[in-house]
Structures are given as C-alpha cells and as structure tokens.
Amino acid sequence: MKKKILVIDDEQSICLILENFLSEQYDIAIQNDGLQALEWLETNLPDLIICDIQMPRMDGYEFLEKIRQRGFTKHTPVVMLSGTEGSKERIKCYKLGAQDFLMKPFNPEELEEIIKKNLYPIHFAVKW
C-alpha cells in the first residue's frame, strides 16, 4: 500500500510538478490553501505533508500551528516549501513543528531524500 502525501500549495505549477514527480511511489492529495487542507484532514490522514508558506486565506505558518494542536496530526511529518530565502523563515517553521524546509525552486532528488528520511527514518540507518 502506498504512503499518502498531502501537498498544499496555491501555485498550480508546483502542485502539478509534485504530483507528477511523486505519484508513481505515493498517493498524492492536492489542496490549494491551509483552510482547504484542514477541511480535507477532517476525514483523511496523510503520512506526510508538503506545505507552502505563502498562500491565501491561511498561510503555511498558521496551518502548521493548527495541525500541531490536533491530536491526530500532531506527529505527522511536515516539509515546508518557501520561495523566500532566509533563516528567519526556516527557524520559525522549525519552532512551529516542521521537520524540514526546502527552498523553491527545489531539486526533486533532494525532495525525494527528504521524504524518505521522514517516512522511513530507518532507511538511512540500514544503508550506513
């Protein structure tokens, strides 16, 4: 059974890239902002979330805060995406509970390794 990844981004091009790149190995669900994603999470539970920071209606920071307050998504790994370079954004994401942070445009191979690291932590230990 494939692991499920929720992708949250208001840029259709990023959603399509992620869906095309990841759909062979994972079940992908796409939501276009934090509010939509919270509604989706009422009846679904992904294994990992990839979330943009800058979105309409509810940004990635607020979304991250809200899912960390919910019992069933409290420990779901989250990878934040941002088009803004800066350690302030990265630190804020980590303090709110993100496992990883990736800059746009991103290297798909790096994203693949970040996903593996978060979904299968032992994957790396076994190879060493």
N, C-alpha and C. Protein backbone atom coordinates (compact mmCIF):
# COMPACT_ATOMS: atom_id res chain seq x y z
N MET A 1 0.84 -1.19 0.00
CA MET A 1 0.00 0.00 0.00
C MET A 1 0.89 1.25 0.00
N LYS A 2 0.57 2.18 -0.87
CA LYS A 2 1.36 3.40 -0.99
C LYS A 2 1.11 4.33 0.19
N LYS A 3 2.16 5.03 0.60
CA LYS A 3 2.03 6.07 1.62
C LYS A 3 1.31 7.26 0.98
N LYS A 4 0.57 8.01 1.81
CA LYS A 4 -0.19 9.15 1.31
C LYS A 4 0.51 10.45 1.69
N ILE A 5 0.68 11.32 0.69
CA ILE A 5 1.28 12.64 0.90
C ILE A 5 0.27 13.71 0.54
N LEU A 6 0.08 14.64 1.45
CA LEU A 6 -0.77 15.80 1.20
C LEU A 6 0.12 16.95 0.75
N VAL A 7 -0.16 17.52 -0.42
CA VAL A 7 0.56 18.67 -0.95
C VAL A 7 -0.36 19.88 -0.84
N ILE A 8 0.14 20.96 -0.21
CA ILE A 8 -0.64 22.18 -0.06
C ILE A 8 0.14 23.33 -0.68
N ASP A 9 -0.38 23.86 -1.78
CA ASP A 9 0.29 24.98 -2.46
C ASP A 9 -0.73 25.66 -3.36
N ASP A 10 -0.69 26.99 -3.40
CA ASP A 10 -1.64 27.72 -4.24
C ASP A 10 -1.15 27.85 -5.68
N GLU A 11 0.09 27.48 -5.95
CA GLU A 11 0.63 27.54 -7.31
C GLU A 11 0.35 26.21 -8.01
N GLN A 12 -0.50 26.26 -9.03
CA GLN A 12 -0.87 25.06 -9.77
C GLN A 12 0.35 24.36 -10.36
N SER A 13 1.32 25.14 -10.83
CA SER A 13 2.50 24.53 -11.44
C SER A 13 3.28 23.68 -10.44
N ILE A 14 3.42 24.15 -9.21
CA ILE A 14 4.11 23.39 -8.17
C ILE A 14 3.32 22.12 -7.84
N CYS A 15 2.02 22.24 -7.75
CA CYS A 15 1.18 21.07 -7.47
C CYS A 15 1.33 20.02 -8.56
N LEU A 16 1.31 20.45 -9.81
CA LEU A 16 1.45 19.51 -10.93
C LEU A 16 2.82 18.86 -10.94
N ILE A 17 3.86 19.64 -10.69
CA ILE A 17 5.23 19.09 -10.64
C ILE A 17 5.33 18.03 -9.55
N LEU A 18 4.84 18.37 -8.36
CA LEU A 18 4.92 17.43 -7.24
C LEU A 18 4.08 16.18 -7.51
N GLU A 19 2.90 16.37 -8.05
CA GLU A 19 2.04 15.22 -8.35
C GLU A 19 2.70 14.30 -9.38
N ASN A 20 3.22 14.90 -10.45
CA ASN A 20 3.88 14.10 -11.49
C ASN A 20 5.12 13.40 -10.98
N PHE A 21 5.88 14.08 -10.16
CA PHE A 21 7.14 13.52 -9.65
C PHE A 21 6.90 12.43 -8.60
N LEU A 22 5.89 12.60 -7.77
CA LEU A 22 5.71 11.71 -6.62
C LEU A 22 4.65 10.62 -6.80
N SER A 23 3.74 10.77 -7.75
CA SER A 23 2.58 9.88 -7.83
C SER A 23 2.90 8.43 -8.16
N GLU A 24 4.05 8.16 -8.72
CA GLU A 24 4.41 6.77 -9.01
C GLU A 24 4.66 5.99 -7.72
N GLN A 25 5.25 6.65 -6.72
CA GLN A 25 5.58 5.97 -5.46
C GLN A 25 4.58 6.22 -4.34
N TYR A 26 3.83 7.34 -4.42
CA TYR A 26 2.96 7.73 -3.31
C TYR A 26 1.57 8.11 -3.82
N ASP A 27 0.57 7.98 -2.94
CA ASP A 27 -0.75 8.53 -3.23
C ASP A 27 -0.67 10.01 -2.89
N ILE A 28 -1.03 10.86 -3.83
CA ILE A 28 -0.91 12.31 -3.64
C ILE A 28 -2.29 12.94 -3.57
N ALA A 29 -2.48 13.79 -2.56
CA ALA A 29 -3.68 14.61 -2.44
C ALA A 29 -3.23 16.06 -2.53
N ILE A 30 -3.97 16.87 -3.29
CA ILE A 30 -3.61 18.27 -3.50
C ILE A 30 -4.67 19.17 -2.88
N GLN A 31 -4.24 20.16 -2.12
CA GLN A 31 -5.11 21.20 -1.61
C GLN A 31 -4.43 22.54 -1.89
N ASN A 32 -5.23 23.58 -2.14
CA ASN A 32 -4.65 24.85 -2.59
C ASN A 32 -4.44 25.91 -1.51
N ASP A 33 -4.86 25.64 -0.30
CA ASP A 33 -4.54 26.56 0.80
C ASP A 33 -4.75 25.83 2.13
N GLY A 34 -4.35 26.48 3.20
CA GLY A 34 -4.41 25.87 4.51
C GLY A 34 -5.81 25.53 4.99
N LEU A 35 -6.78 26.39 4.68
CA LEU A 35 -8.16 26.11 5.09
C LEU A 35 -8.72 24.87 4.40
N GLN A 36 -8.49 24.79 3.09
CA GLN A 36 -8.92 23.61 2.34
C GLN A 36 -8.29 22.35 2.92
N ALA A 37 -7.01 22.46 3.24
CA ALA A 37 -6.27 21.31 3.77
C ALA A 37 -6.82 20.88 5.13
N LEU A 38 -7.14 21.84 5.99
CA LEU A 38 -7.72 21.50 7.30
C LEU A 38 -9.05 20.77 7.14
N GLU A 39 -9.87 21.21 6.18
CA GLU A 39 -11.14 20.54 5.91
C GLU A 39 -10.89 19.12 5.42
N TRP A 40 -9.93 18.95 4.52
CA TRP A 40 -9.58 17.64 3.99
C TRP A 40 -9.11 16.72 5.12
N LEU A 41 -8.35 17.28 6.06
CA LEU A 41 -7.82 16.49 7.17
C LEU A 41 -8.88 16.03 8.17
N GLU A 42 -10.08 16.57 8.07
CA GLU A 42 -11.17 16.11 8.93
C GLU A 42 -11.52 14.64 8.66
N THR A 43 -11.32 14.20 7.42
CA THR A 43 -11.69 12.83 7.06
C THR A 43 -10.54 12.03 6.46
N ASN A 44 -9.34 12.60 6.44
CA ASN A 44 -8.19 11.92 5.85
C ASN A 44 -6.97 12.11 6.75
N LEU A 45 -6.06 11.15 6.70
CA LEU A 45 -4.83 11.27 7.48
C LEU A 45 -3.64 10.88 6.60
N PRO A 46 -2.85 11.86 6.17
CA PRO A 46 -1.69 11.55 5.34
C PRO A 46 -0.52 11.05 6.19
N ASP A 47 0.45 10.45 5.51
CA ASP A 47 1.67 10.02 6.18
C ASP A 47 2.69 11.14 6.25
N LEU A 48 2.54 12.13 5.35
CA LEU A 48 3.46 13.26 5.29
C LEU A 48 2.74 14.43 4.62
N ILE A 49 3.11 15.65 5.00
CA ILE A 49 2.53 16.85 4.40
C ILE A 49 3.65 17.70 3.83
N ILE A 50 3.46 18.18 2.61
CA ILE A 50 4.35 19.16 1.99
C ILE A 50 3.54 20.43 1.86
N CYS A 51 4.01 21.51 2.49
CA CYS A 51 3.19 22.72 2.58
C CYS A 51 3.97 23.98 2.22
N ASP A 52 3.38 24.78 1.35
CA ASP A 52 3.93 26.10 1.01
C ASP A 52 3.71 27.03 2.19
N ILE A 53 4.50 28.08 2.28
CA ILE A 53 4.32 29.07 3.35
C ILE A 53 3.37 30.17 2.91
N GLN A 54 3.60 30.76 1.76
CA GLN A 54 2.80 31.91 1.32
C GLN A 54 1.61 31.44 0.50
N MET A 55 0.41 31.50 1.13
CA MET A 55 -0.82 31.09 0.48
C MET A 55 -1.94 32.02 0.92
N PRO A 56 -3.00 32.13 0.11
CA PRO A 56 -4.15 32.95 0.51
C PRO A 56 -4.97 32.25 1.60
N ARG A 57 -5.82 33.00 2.25
CA ARG A 57 -6.76 32.54 3.27
C ARG A 57 -6.08 32.02 4.54
N MET A 58 -5.14 31.11 4.43
CA MET A 58 -4.39 30.63 5.59
C MET A 58 -2.99 30.25 5.14
N ASP A 59 -1.99 30.94 5.67
CA ASP A 59 -0.62 30.65 5.25
C ASP A 59 -0.09 29.37 5.92
N GLY A 60 1.08 28.96 5.49
CA GLY A 60 1.68 27.74 5.99
C GLY A 60 2.00 27.77 7.48
N TYR A 61 2.38 28.93 8.00
CA TYR A 61 2.67 29.04 9.43
C TYR A 61 1.42 28.73 10.26
N GLU A 62 0.31 29.38 9.91
CA GLU A 62 -0.93 29.17 10.66
C GLU A 62 -1.41 27.73 10.52
N PHE A 63 -1.30 27.19 9.32
CA PHE A 63 -1.68 25.80 9.09
C PHE A 63 -0.86 24.87 9.98
N LEU A 64 0.45 25.09 10.02
CA LEU A 64 1.34 24.26 10.83
C LEU A 64 0.97 24.34 12.31
N GLU A 65 0.69 25.54 12.78
CA GLU A 65 0.27 25.71 14.17
C GLU A 65 -0.99 24.90 14.47
N LYS A 66 -1.95 24.98 13.57
CA LYS A 66 -3.24 24.31 13.78
C LYS A 66 -3.12 22.79 13.77
N ILE A 67 -2.34 22.24 12.85
CA ILE A 67 -2.25 20.77 12.82
C ILE A 67 -1.45 20.23 14.00
N ARG A 68 -0.56 21.02 14.55
CA ARG A 68 0.20 20.57 15.73
C ARG A 68 -0.66 20.59 17.00
N GLN A 69 -1.80 21.29 16.94
CA GLN A 69 -2.71 21.34 18.08
C GLN A 69 -3.74 20.21 18.03
N ARG A 70 -3.84 19.53 16.90
CA ARG A 70 -4.80 18.44 16.73
C ARG A 70 -4.14 17.12 17.12
N GLY A 71 -4.86 16.29 17.81
CA GLY A 71 -4.30 15.01 18.24
C GLY A 71 -3.87 14.10 17.11
N PHE A 72 -4.70 13.99 16.07
CA PHE A 72 -4.41 13.02 15.02
C PHE A 72 -3.38 13.48 14.00
N THR A 73 -3.03 14.76 13.97
CA THR A 73 -1.96 15.22 13.05
C THR A 73 -0.76 15.78 13.81
N LYS A 74 -0.79 15.66 15.11
CA LYS A 74 0.25 16.23 15.95
C LYS A 74 1.66 15.76 15.55
N HIS A 75 1.78 14.49 15.15
CA HIS A 75 3.09 13.92 14.84
C HIS A 75 3.31 13.65 13.36
N THR A 76 2.42 14.13 12.50
CA THR A 76 2.58 13.93 11.06
C THR A 76 3.76 14.78 10.58
N PRO A 77 4.73 14.17 9.89
CA PRO A 77 5.87 14.95 9.40
C PRO A 77 5.43 16.00 8.37
N VAL A 78 6.02 17.20 8.48
CA VAL A 78 5.69 18.30 7.57
C VAL A 78 6.98 18.86 6.98
N VAL A 79 6.98 18.98 5.66
CA VAL A 79 8.07 19.62 4.92
C VAL A 79 7.52 20.94 4.40
N MET A 80 8.13 22.04 4.79
CA MET A 80 7.68 23.36 4.35
C MET A 80 8.44 23.79 3.10
N LEU A 81 7.71 24.41 2.16
CA LEU A 81 8.31 24.96 0.95
C LEU A 81 8.21 26.47 1.01
N SER A 82 9.26 27.14 0.55
CA SER A 82 9.22 28.60 0.54
C SER A 82 10.01 29.16 -0.64
N GLY A 83 9.48 30.23 -1.18
CA GLY A 83 10.20 30.95 -2.23
C GLY A 83 11.08 32.04 -1.64
N THR A 84 11.03 32.20 -0.32
CA THR A 84 11.80 33.25 0.35
C THR A 84 12.99 32.63 1.07
N GLU A 85 14.17 33.07 0.71
CA GLU A 85 15.40 32.59 1.34
C GLU A 85 15.61 33.34 2.64
N GLY A 86 15.89 32.64 3.68
CA GLY A 86 16.19 33.31 4.94
C GLY A 86 16.08 32.37 6.11
N SER A 87 16.99 32.53 7.05
CA SER A 87 16.97 31.64 8.20
C SER A 87 15.82 31.97 9.14
N LYS A 88 15.29 33.22 9.10
CA LYS A 88 14.15 33.57 9.95
C LYS A 88 12.96 32.67 9.64
N GLU A 89 12.65 32.51 8.36
CA GLU A 89 11.53 31.67 7.94
C GLU A 89 11.77 30.22 8.34
N ARG A 90 12.98 29.75 8.10
CA ARG A 90 13.33 28.37 8.41
C ARG A 90 13.19 28.10 9.92
N ILE A 91 13.73 29.00 10.73
CA ILE A 91 13.67 28.86 12.19
C ILE A 91 12.23 28.89 12.67
N LYS A 92 11.44 29.81 12.12
CA LYS A 92 10.02 29.89 12.51
C LYS A 92 9.31 28.57 12.22
N CYS A 93 9.57 27.98 11.05
CA CYS A 93 8.96 26.70 10.69
C CYS A 93 9.38 25.60 11.66
N TYR A 94 10.65 25.55 11.99
CA TYR A 94 11.12 24.53 12.93
C TYR A 94 10.49 24.71 14.30
N LYS A 95 10.37 25.95 14.75
CA LYS A 95 9.77 26.22 16.06
C LYS A 95 8.29 25.84 16.10
N LEU A 96 7.63 25.94 14.94
CA LEU A 96 6.21 25.57 14.86
C LEU A 96 6.00 24.07 14.66
N GLY A 97 7.09 23.32 14.44
CA GLY A 97 6.98 21.87 14.36
C GLY A 97 7.24 21.23 13.02
N ALA A 98 7.81 21.98 12.06
CA ALA A 98 8.14 21.38 10.76
C ALA A 98 9.39 20.50 10.90
N GLN A 99 9.41 19.40 10.18
CA GLN A 99 10.59 18.53 10.20
C GLN A 99 11.66 19.03 9.24
N ASP A 100 11.23 19.58 8.11
CA ASP A 100 12.19 20.03 7.10
C ASP A 100 11.68 21.27 6.39
N PHE A 101 12.59 21.91 5.67
CA PHE A 101 12.32 23.17 4.97
C PHE A 101 13.07 23.10 3.65
N LEU A 102 12.39 23.41 2.56
CA LEU A 102 13.00 23.34 1.25
C LEU A 102 12.67 24.60 0.46
N MET A 103 13.69 25.15 -0.19
CA MET A 103 13.52 26.37 -0.98
C MET A 103 13.00 26.05 -2.37
N LYS A 104 12.11 26.91 -2.88
CA LYS A 104 11.66 26.86 -4.28
C LYS A 104 12.60 27.74 -5.09
N PRO A 105 12.96 27.39 -6.27
CA PRO A 105 12.73 26.09 -6.89
C PRO A 105 13.60 25.04 -6.19
N PHE A 106 13.08 23.84 -6.08
CA PHE A 106 13.77 22.78 -5.36
C PHE A 106 14.29 21.73 -6.32
N ASN A 107 15.27 20.99 -5.85
CA ASN A 107 15.82 19.87 -6.59
C ASN A 107 14.95 18.65 -6.26
N PRO A 108 14.30 18.04 -7.25
CA PRO A 108 13.43 16.89 -6.98
C PRO A 108 14.14 15.74 -6.26
N GLU A 109 15.40 15.54 -6.56
CA GLU A 109 16.16 14.48 -5.90
C GLU A 109 16.33 14.77 -4.40
N GLU A 110 16.55 16.04 -4.07
CA GLU A 110 16.66 16.42 -2.66
C GLU A 110 15.32 16.21 -1.96
N LEU A 111 14.23 16.60 -2.61
CA LEU A 111 12.90 16.40 -2.03
C LEU A 111 12.65 14.91 -1.79
N GLU A 112 13.03 14.08 -2.75
CA GLU A 112 12.84 12.64 -2.61
C GLU A 112 13.56 12.10 -1.38
N GLU A 113 14.77 12.58 -1.14
CA GLU A 113 15.53 12.13 0.03
C GLU A 113 14.93 12.65 1.33
N ILE A 114 14.41 13.87 1.31
CA ILE A 114 13.75 14.43 2.50
C ILE A 114 12.49 13.62 2.82
N ILE A 115 11.75 13.24 1.79
CA ILE A 115 10.54 12.44 2.00
C ILE A 115 10.92 11.08 2.60
N LYS A 116 11.90 10.42 2.02
CA LYS A 116 12.34 9.12 2.55
C LYS A 116 12.80 9.24 3.99
N LYS A 117 13.55 10.27 4.27
CA LYS A 117 14.07 10.49 5.63
C LYS A 117 12.94 10.60 6.64
N ASN A 118 11.85 11.25 6.24
CA ASN A 118 10.73 11.46 7.15
C ASN A 118 9.74 10.29 7.20
N LEU A 119 9.57 9.59 6.09
CA LEU A 119 8.65 8.46 6.07
C LEU A 119 9.29 7.17 6.56
N TYR A 120 10.56 7.01 6.28
CA TYR A 120 11.27 5.78 6.62
C TYR A 120 12.60 6.11 7.29
N PRO A 121 12.58 6.60 8.52
CA PRO A 121 13.83 7.03 9.16
C PRO A 121 14.89 5.93 9.22
N ILE A 122 14.47 4.69 9.34
CA ILE A 122 15.42 3.59 9.41
C ILE A 122 16.10 3.36 8.05
N HIS A 123 15.48 3.82 6.99
CA HIS A 123 16.01 3.67 5.62
C HIS A 123 17.47 4.11 5.56
N PHE A 124 17.80 5.18 6.21
CA PHE A 124 19.15 5.70 6.16
C PHE A 124 20.09 4.90 7.05
N ALA A 125 19.63 4.49 8.21
CA ALA A 125 20.46 3.73 9.13
C ALA A 125 20.84 2.38 8.54
N VAL A 126 19.92 1.75 7.83
CA VAL A 126 20.18 0.44 7.24
C VAL A 126 21.28 0.53 6.18
N LYS A 127 21.32 1.60 5.43
CA LYS A 127 22.30 1.74 4.35
C LYS A 127 23.70 2.10 4.86
N TRP A 128 23.80 2.58 6.08
CA TRP A 128 25.12 3.00 6.57
C TRP A 128 25.98 1.85 6.93
